[in-house]
Amino acid sequence: MKLVAEISLYPLQEDYVAHILTFIERINEYENLEVQTHATCTIIKGDYQHLMSVLATEMERSHQEVGQAIFVCKFLKGDNIVL
């Protein structure tokens, strides 16, 4: 099954932009994902299990590195979303 995730990261630190860019760069390193970055969110398309695994790994990593951070996510089954 395919999944589309829209995710926004809000690190609760002064140097928040660097942490956001690092998160996006790490997501882009994974194979079999389609990633589109916009001004306020990143949209990721891929296999449901793979995408959820990537998000779990990278969100945990960000929390370990940043400390307090807010993730806002939206999920849509399928991959037929117009961007």
PDB file of N, CA and C in Angstrom:
ATOM      1  N   MET A   1       0.846  -1.179   0.000  1.00  0.00           N
ATOM      2  CA  MET A   1       0.000   0.000   0.000  1.00  0.00           C
ATOM      3  C   MET A   1       0.891   1.242   0.000  1.00  0.00           C
ATOM      4  N   LYS A   2       0.455   2.248  -0.705  1.00  0.00           N
ATOM      5  CA  LYS A   2       1.196   3.515  -0.793  1.00  0.00           C
ATOM      6  C   LYS A   2       0.685   4.499   0.251  1.00  0.00           C
ATOM      7  N   LEU A   3       1.569   5.443   0.611  1.00  0.00           N
ATOM      8  CA  LEU A   3       1.242   6.446   1.620  1.00  0.00           C
ATOM      9  C   LEU A   3       1.865   7.775   1.234  1.00  0.00           C
ATOM     10  N   VAL A   4       1.148   8.850   1.498  1.00  0.00           N
ATOM     11  CA  VAL A   4       1.678  10.202   1.373  1.00  0.00           C
ATOM     12  C   VAL A   4       1.693  10.804   2.770  1.00  0.00           C
ATOM     13  N   ALA A   5       2.830  11.363   3.161  1.00  0.00           N
ATOM     14  CA  ALA A   5       2.947  12.025   4.460  1.00  0.00           C
ATOM     15  C   ALA A   5       3.366  13.472   4.238  1.00  0.00           C
ATOM     16  N   GLU A   6       2.669  14.371   4.902  1.00  0.00           N
ATOM     17  CA  GLU A   6       3.062  15.779   4.926  1.00  0.00           C
ATOM     18  C   GLU A   6       3.573  16.038   6.327  1.00  0.00           C
ATOM     19  N   ILE A   7       4.818  16.503   6.441  1.00  0.00           N
ATOM     20  CA  ILE A   7       5.420  16.667   7.749  1.00  0.00           C
ATOM     21  C   ILE A   7       6.067  18.039   7.867  1.00  0.00           C
ATOM     22  N   SER A   8       5.911  18.634   9.041  1.00  0.00           N
ATOM     23  CA  SER A   8       6.571  19.892   9.384  1.00  0.00           C
ATOM     24  C   SER A   8       7.281  19.696  10.712  1.00  0.00           C
ATOM     25  N   LEU A   9       8.464  20.242  10.825  1.00  0.00           N
ATOM     26  CA  LEU A   9       9.276  20.133  12.034  1.00  0.00           C
ATOM     27  C   LEU A   9       9.466  21.519  12.633  1.00  0.00           C
ATOM     28  N   TYR A  10       9.240  21.624  13.935  1.00  0.00           N
ATOM     29  CA  TYR A  10       9.424  22.878  14.659  1.00  0.00           C
ATOM     30  C   TYR A  10      10.330  22.628  15.859  1.00  0.00           C
ATOM     31  N   PRO A  11      11.661  22.690  15.661  1.00  0.00           N
ATOM     32  CA  PRO A  11      12.572  22.532  16.794  1.00  0.00           C
ATOM     33  C   PRO A  11      12.426  23.725  17.741  1.00  0.00           C
ATOM     34  N   LEU A  12      12.387  23.458  19.015  1.00  0.00           N
ATOM     35  CA  LEU A  12      12.227  24.527  20.002  1.00  0.00           C
ATOM     36  C   LEU A  12      13.590  25.024  20.449  1.00  0.00           C
ATOM     37  N   GLN A  13      14.335  25.558  19.472  1.00  0.00           N
ATOM     38  CA  GLN A  13      15.669  26.105  19.702  1.00  0.00           C
ATOM     39  C   GLN A  13      15.852  27.331  18.828  1.00  0.00           C
ATOM     40  N   GLU A  14      16.825  28.151  19.188  1.00  0.00           N
ATOM     41  CA  GLU A  14      17.080  29.357  18.398  1.00  0.00           C
ATOM     42  C   GLU A  14      17.599  29.029  16.999  1.00  0.00           C
ATOM     43  N   ASP A  15      18.454  28.037  16.869  1.00  0.00           N
ATOM     44  CA  ASP A  15      19.030  27.677  15.572  1.00  0.00           C
ATOM     45  C   ASP A  15      18.183  26.616  14.867  1.00  0.00           C
ATOM     46  N   TYR A  16      16.895  26.855  14.812  1.00  0.00           N
ATOM     47  CA  TYR A  16      15.940  25.859  14.329  1.00  0.00           C
ATOM     48  C   TYR A  16      16.095  25.530  12.850  1.00  0.00           C
ATOM     49  N   VAL A  17      16.481  26.494  12.014  1.00  0.00           N
ATOM     50  CA  VAL A  17      16.550  26.260  10.572  1.00  0.00           C
ATOM     51  C   VAL A  17      17.550  25.156  10.236  1.00  0.00           C
ATOM     52  N   ALA A  18      18.699  25.160  10.871  1.00  0.00           N
ATOM     53  CA  ALA A  18      19.717  24.131  10.616  1.00  0.00           C
ATOM     54  C   ALA A  18      19.184  22.739  10.924  1.00  0.00           C
ATOM     55  N   HIS A  19      18.412  22.601  11.985  1.00  0.00           N
ATOM     56  CA  HIS A  19      17.852  21.297  12.353  1.00  0.00           C
ATOM     57  C   HIS A  19      16.804  20.833  11.338  1.00  0.00           C
ATOM     58  N   ILE A  20      16.016  21.761  10.844  1.00  0.00           N
ATOM     59  CA  ILE A  20      15.017  21.423   9.828  1.00  0.00           C
ATOM     60  C   ILE A  20      15.703  20.949   8.552  1.00  0.00           C
ATOM     61  N   LEU A  21      16.715  21.681   8.113  1.00  0.00           N
ATOM     62  CA  LEU A  21      17.433  21.313   6.891  1.00  0.00           C
ATOM     63  C   LEU A  21      18.127  19.961   7.033  1.00  0.00           C
ATOM     64  N   THR A  22      18.675  19.688   8.200  1.00  0.00           N
ATOM     65  CA  THR A  22      19.313  18.396   8.441  1.00  0.00           C
ATOM     66  C   THR A  22      18.301  17.262   8.342  1.00  0.00           C
ATOM     67  N   PHE A  23      17.136  17.455   8.932  1.00  0.00           N
ATOM     68  CA  PHE A  23      16.075  16.445   8.866  1.00  0.00           C
ATOM     69  C   PHE A  23      15.691  16.178   7.414  1.00  0.00           C
ATOM     70  N   ILE A  24      15.490  17.214   6.634  1.00  0.00           N
ATOM     71  CA  ILE A  24      15.108  17.064   5.229  1.00  0.00           C
ATOM     72  C   ILE A  24      16.212  16.355   4.440  1.00  0.00           C
ATOM     73  N   GLU A  25      17.465  16.717   4.685  1.00  0.00           N
ATOM     74  CA  GLU A  25      18.590  16.066   3.991  1.00  0.00           C
ATOM     75  C   GLU A  25      18.622  14.571   4.293  1.00  0.00           C
ATOM     76  N   ARG A  26      18.382  14.208   5.537  1.00  0.00           N
ATOM     77  CA  ARG A  26      18.389  12.790   5.907  1.00  0.00           C
ATOM     78  C   ARG A  26      17.251  12.037   5.230  1.00  0.00           C
ATOM     79  N   ILE A  27      16.079  12.636   5.167  1.00  0.00           N
ATOM     80  CA  ILE A  27      14.944  11.997   4.505  1.00  0.00           C
ATOM     81  C   ILE A  27      15.267  11.761   3.026  1.00  0.00           C
ATOM     82  N   ASN A  28      15.934  12.705   2.396  1.00  0.00           N
ATOM     83  CA  ASN A  28      16.277  12.594   0.981  1.00  0.00           C
ATOM     84  C   ASN A  28      17.301  11.498   0.702  1.00  0.00           C
ATOM     85  N   GLU A  29      17.994  11.014   1.705  1.00  0.00           N
ATOM     86  CA  GLU A  29      19.001   9.970   1.515  1.00  0.00           C
ATOM     87  C   GLU A  29      18.385   8.581   1.357  1.00  0.00           C
ATOM     88  N   TYR A  30      17.148   8.411   1.742  1.00  0.00           N
ATOM     89  CA  TYR A  30      16.498   7.107   1.658  1.00  0.00           C
ATOM     90  C   TYR A  30      16.048   6.826   0.228  1.00  0.00           C
ATOM     91  N   GLU A  31      16.227   5.562  -0.178  1.00  0.00           N
ATOM     92  CA  GLU A  31      15.774   5.143  -1.496  1.00  0.00           C
ATOM     93  C   GLU A  31      14.278   4.838  -1.466  1.00  0.00           C
ATOM     94  N   ASN A  32      13.684   4.839  -2.635  1.00  0.00           N
ATOM     95  CA  ASN A  32      12.279   4.468  -2.824  1.00  0.00           C
ATOM     96  C   ASN A  32      11.290   5.422  -2.167  1.00  0.00           C
ATOM     97  N   LEU A  33      11.695   6.663  -1.962  1.00  0.00           N
ATOM     98  CA  LEU A  33      10.784   7.693  -1.464  1.00  0.00           C
ATOM     99  C   LEU A  33      10.822   8.872  -2.422  1.00  0.00           C
ATOM    100  N   GLU A  34       9.672   9.464  -2.657  1.00  0.00           N
ATOM    101  CA  GLU A  34       9.587  10.695  -3.437  1.00  0.00           C
ATOM    102  C   GLU A  34       9.404  11.837  -2.443  1.00  0.00           C
ATOM    103  N   VAL A  35      10.330  12.798  -2.459  1.00  0.00           N
ATOM    104  CA  VAL A  35      10.331  13.876  -1.469  1.00  0.00           C
ATOM    105  C   VAL A  35      10.206  15.212  -2.184  1.00  0.00           C
ATOM    106  N   GLN A  36       9.263  16.023  -1.730  1.00  0.00           N
ATOM    107  CA  GLN A  36       9.098  17.382  -2.243  1.00  0.00           C
ATOM    108  C   GLN A  36       9.071  18.327  -1.055  1.00  0.00           C
ATOM    109  N   THR A  37       9.981  19.276  -1.050  1.00  0.00           N
ATOM    110  CA  THR A  37      10.064  20.226   0.055  1.00  0.00           C
ATOM    111  C   THR A  37       9.434  21.548  -0.356  1.00  0.00           C
ATOM    112  N   HIS A  38       8.596  22.054   0.519  1.00  0.00           N
ATOM    113  CA  HIS A  38       7.915  23.332   0.312  1.00  0.00           C
ATOM    114  C   HIS A  38       8.310  24.276   1.450  1.00  0.00           C
ATOM    115  N   ALA A  39       7.804  25.472   1.425  1.00  0.00           N
ATOM    116  CA  ALA A  39       8.188  26.483   2.421  1.00  0.00           C
ATOM    117  C   ALA A  39       7.833  26.082   3.849  1.00  0.00           C
ATOM    118  N   THR A  40       6.726  25.396   4.038  1.00  0.00           N
ATOM    119  CA  THR A  40       6.278  25.088   5.400  1.00  0.00           C
ATOM    120  C   THR A  40       6.168  23.606   5.713  1.00  0.00           C
ATOM    121  N   CYS A  41       6.427  22.753   4.721  1.00  0.00           N
ATOM    122  CA  CYS A  41       6.304  21.316   4.956  1.00  0.00           C
ATOM    123  C   CYS A  41       7.108  20.536   3.926  1.00  0.00           C
ATOM    124  N   THR A  42       7.259  19.264   4.200  1.00  0.00           N
ATOM    125  CA  THR A  42       7.855  18.334   3.250  1.00  0.00           C
ATOM    126  C   THR A  42       6.839  17.227   3.003  1.00  0.00           C
ATOM    127  N   ILE A  43       6.634  16.897   1.741  1.00  0.00           N
ATOM    128  CA  ILE A  43       5.706  15.846   1.365  1.00  0.00           C
ATOM    129  C   ILE A  43       6.523  14.651   0.898  1.00  0.00           C
ATOM    130  N   ILE A  44       6.200  13.495   1.475  1.00  0.00           N
ATOM    131  CA  ILE A  44       6.951  12.277   1.194  1.00  0.00           C
ATOM    132  C   ILE A  44       5.972  11.209   0.730  1.00  0.00           C
ATOM    133  N   LYS A  45       6.304  10.559  -0.394  1.00  0.00           N
ATOM    134  CA  LYS A  45       5.481   9.477  -0.930  1.00  0.00           C
ATOM    135  C   LYS A  45       6.304   8.201  -0.943  1.00  0.00           C
ATOM    136  N   GLY A  46       5.649   7.085  -0.616  1.00  0.00           N
ATOM    137  CA  GLY A  46       6.340   5.811  -0.685  1.00  0.00           C
ATOM    138  C   GLY A  46       5.495   4.672  -0.178  1.00  0.00           C
ATOM    139  N   ASP A  47       6.114   3.508  -0.083  1.00  0.00           N
ATOM    140  CA  ASP A  47       5.457   2.342   0.478  1.00  0.00           C
ATOM    141  C   ASP A  47       5.121   2.611   1.945  1.00  0.00           C
ATOM    142  N   TYR A  48       3.939   2.225   2.347  1.00  0.00           N
ATOM    143  CA  TYR A  48       3.434   2.545   3.692  1.00  0.00           C
ATOM    144  C   TYR A  48       4.415   2.144   4.798  1.00  0.00           C
ATOM    145  N   GLN A  49       4.797   0.871   4.831  1.00  0.00           N
ATOM    146  CA  GLN A  49       5.661   0.381   5.916  1.00  0.00           C
ATOM    147  C   GLN A  49       7.043   1.037   5.881  1.00  0.00           C
ATOM    148  N   HIS A  50       7.595   1.176   4.685  1.00  0.00           N
ATOM    149  CA  HIS A  50       8.918   1.794   4.551  1.00  0.00           C
ATOM    150  C   HIS A  50       8.885   3.252   5.017  1.00  0.00           C
ATOM    151  N   LEU A  51       7.897   3.996   4.561  1.00  0.00           N
ATOM    152  CA  LEU A  51       7.785   5.416   4.919  1.00  0.00           C
ATOM    153  C   LEU A  51       7.592   5.604   6.424  1.00  0.00           C
ATOM    154  N   MET A  52       6.724   4.804   7.019  1.00  0.00           N
ATOM    155  CA  MET A  52       6.503   4.916   8.461  1.00  0.00           C
ATOM    156  C   MET A  52       7.769   4.548   9.246  1.00  0.00           C
ATOM    157  N   SER A  53       8.513   3.569   8.767  1.00  0.00           N
ATOM    158  CA  SER A  53       9.765   3.185   9.408  1.00  0.00           C
ATOM    159  C   SER A  53      10.790   4.314   9.328  1.00  0.00           C
ATOM    160  N   VAL A  54      10.891   4.934   8.157  1.00  0.00           N
ATOM    161  CA  VAL A  54      11.814   6.062   7.978  1.00  0.00           C
ATOM    162  C   VAL A  54      11.438   7.208   8.912  1.00  0.00           C
ATOM    163  N   LEU A  55      10.160   7.543   8.960  1.00  0.00           N
ATOM    164  CA  LEU A  55       9.720   8.640   9.828  1.00  0.00           C
ATOM    165  C   LEU A  55      10.002   8.341  11.300  1.00  0.00           C
ATOM    166  N   ALA A  56       9.733   7.114  11.730  1.00  0.00           N
ATOM    167  CA  ALA A  56      10.003   6.748  13.128  1.00  0.00           C
ATOM    168  C   ALA A  56      11.478   6.899  13.443  1.00  0.00           C
ATOM    169  N   THR A  57      12.326   6.411  12.554  1.00  0.00           N
ATOM    170  CA  THR A  57      13.774   6.491  12.763  1.00  0.00           C
ATOM    171  C   THR A  57      14.253   7.934  12.812  1.00  0.00           C
ATOM    172  N   GLU A  58      13.844   8.724  11.842  1.00  0.00           N
ATOM    173  CA  GLU A  58      14.343  10.093  11.736  1.00  0.00           C
ATOM    174  C   GLU A  58      13.725  11.047  12.759  1.00  0.00           C
ATOM    175  N   MET A  59      12.481  10.805  13.128  1.00  0.00           N
ATOM    176  CA  MET A  59      11.890  11.633  14.184  1.00  0.00           C
ATOM    177  C   MET A  59      12.587  11.355  15.511  1.00  0.00           C
ATOM    178  N   GLU A  60      12.840  10.097  15.802  1.00  0.00           N
ATOM    179  CA  GLU A  60      13.554   9.767  17.040  1.00  0.00           C
ATOM    180  C   GLU A  60      14.948  10.376  17.031  1.00  0.00           C
ATOM    181  N   ARG A  61      15.629  10.271  15.902  1.00  0.00           N
ATOM    182  CA  ARG A  61      16.975  10.853  15.789  1.00  0.00           C
ATOM    183  C   ARG A  61      16.942  12.356  16.017  1.00  0.00           C
ATOM    184  N   SER A  62      15.965  13.027  15.445  1.00  0.00           N
ATOM    185  CA  SER A  62      15.848  14.482  15.640  1.00  0.00           C
ATOM    186  C   SER A  62      15.597  14.822  17.099  1.00  0.00           C
ATOM    187  N   HIS A  63      14.733  14.065  17.763  1.00  0.00           N
ATOM    188  CA  HIS A  63      14.485  14.323  19.182  1.00  0.00           C
ATOM    189  C   HIS A  63      15.748  14.101  20.013  1.00  0.00           C
ATOM    190  N   GLN A  64      16.534  13.107  19.653  1.00  0.00           N
ATOM    191  CA  GLN A  64      17.781  12.867  20.378  1.00  0.00           C
ATOM    192  C   GLN A  64      18.761  14.011  20.173  1.00  0.00           C
ATOM    193  N   GLU A  65      18.827  14.551  18.960  1.00  0.00           N
ATOM    194  CA  GLU A  65      19.783  15.606  18.640  1.00  0.00           C
ATOM    195  C   GLU A  65      19.314  16.982  19.094  1.00  0.00           C
ATOM    196  N   VAL A  66      18.027  17.246  18.952  1.00  0.00           N
ATOM    197  CA  VAL A  66      17.495  18.591  19.189  1.00  0.00           C
ATOM    198  C   VAL A  66      16.947  18.754  20.604  1.00  0.00           C
ATOM    199  N   GLY A  67      16.419  17.690  21.139  1.00  0.00           N
ATOM    200  CA  GLY A  67      15.703  17.799  22.410  1.00  0.00           C
ATOM    201  C   GLY A  67      14.240  18.037  22.095  1.00  0.00           C
ATOM    202  N   GLN A  68      13.708  19.132  22.564  1.00  0.00           N
ATOM    203  CA  GLN A  68      12.297  19.435  22.332  1.00  0.00           C
ATOM    204  C   GLN A  68      12.071  19.886  20.893  1.00  0.00           C
ATOM    205  N   ALA A  69      11.154  19.218  20.222  1.00  0.00           N
ATOM    206  CA  ALA A  69      10.780  19.571  18.852  1.00  0.00           C
ATOM    207  C   ALA A  69       9.356  19.080  18.609  1.00  0.00           C
ATOM    208  N   ILE A  70       8.642  19.842  17.825  1.00  0.00           N
ATOM    209  CA  ILE A  70       7.267  19.487  17.480  1.00  0.00           C
ATOM    210  C   ILE A  70       7.250  18.995  16.035  1.00  0.00           C
ATOM    211  N   PHE A  71       6.610  17.859  15.801  1.00  0.00           N
ATOM    212  CA  PHE A  71       6.361  17.360  14.461  1.00  0.00           C
ATOM    213  C   PHE A  71       4.863  17.431  14.220  1.00  0.00           C
ATOM    214  N   VAL A  72       4.479  17.996  13.088  1.00  0.00           N
ATOM    215  CA  VAL A  72       3.082  18.013  12.679  1.00  0.00           C
ATOM    216  C   VAL A  72       3.006  17.182  11.405  1.00  0.00           C
ATOM    217  N   CYS A  73       2.195  16.124  11.433  1.00  0.00           N
ATOM    218  CA  CYS A  73       2.110  15.191  10.301  1.00  0.00           C
ATOM    219  C   CYS A  73       0.678  14.988   9.855  1.00  0.00           C
ATOM    220  N   LYS A  74       0.517  14.816   8.551  1.00  0.00           N
ATOM    221  CA  LYS A  74      -0.756  14.431   7.956  1.00  0.00           C
ATOM    222  C   LYS A  74      -0.454  13.235   7.061  1.00  0.00           C
ATOM    223  N   PHE A  75      -1.364  12.267   7.045  1.00  0.00           N
ATOM    224  CA  PHE A  75      -1.158  11.065   6.260  1.00  0.00           C
ATOM    225  C   PHE A  75      -2.354  10.827   5.349  1.00  0.00           C
ATOM    226  N   LEU A  76      -2.058  10.391   4.121  1.00  0.00           N
ATOM    227  CA  LEU A  76      -3.091  10.093   3.150  1.00  0.00           C
ATOM    228  C   LEU A  76      -2.768   8.748   2.501  1.00  0.00           C
ATOM    229  N   LYS A  77      -3.704   7.824   2.561  1.00  0.00           N
ATOM    230  CA  LYS A  77      -3.519   6.541   1.902  1.00  0.00           C
ATOM    231  C   LYS A  77      -3.481   6.754   0.395  1.00  0.00           C
ATOM    232  N   GLY A  78      -2.567   6.068  -0.268  1.00  0.00           N
ATOM    233  CA  GLY A  78      -2.433   6.171  -1.706  1.00  0.00           C
ATOM    234  C   GLY A  78      -1.332   7.138  -2.085  1.00  0.00           C
ATOM    235  N   ASP A  79      -1.213   7.396  -3.379  1.00  0.00           N
ATOM    236  CA  ASP A  79      -0.202   8.340  -3.825  1.00  0.00           C
ATOM    237  C   ASP A  79      -0.723   9.269  -4.908  1.00  0.00           C
ATOM    238  N   ASN A  80      -2.027   9.360  -5.020  1.00  0.00           N
ATOM    239  CA  ASN A  80      -2.649  10.202  -6.040  1.00  0.00           C
ATOM    240  C   ASN A  80      -3.007  11.576  -5.482  1.00  0.00           C
ATOM    241  N   ILE A  81      -1.991  12.297  -5.044  1.00  0.00           N
ATOM    242  CA  ILE A  81      -2.215  13.641  -4.520  1.00  0.00           C
ATOM    243  C   ILE A  81      -1.611  14.635  -5.514  1.00  0.00           C
ATOM    244  N   VAL A  82      -2.327  15.687  -5.782  1.00  0.00           N
ATOM    245  CA  VAL A  82      -1.841  16.729  -6.673  1.00  0.00           C
ATOM    246  C   VAL A  82      -1.071  17.736  -5.860  1.00  0.00           C
ATOM    247  N   LEU A  83       0.168  17.974  -6.245  1.00  0.00           N
ATOM    248  CA  LEU A  83       1.021  18.918  -5.504  1.00  0.00           C
ATOM    249  C   LEU A  83       1.282  20.146  -6.332  1.00  0.00           C
TER     250      LEU A  83
END
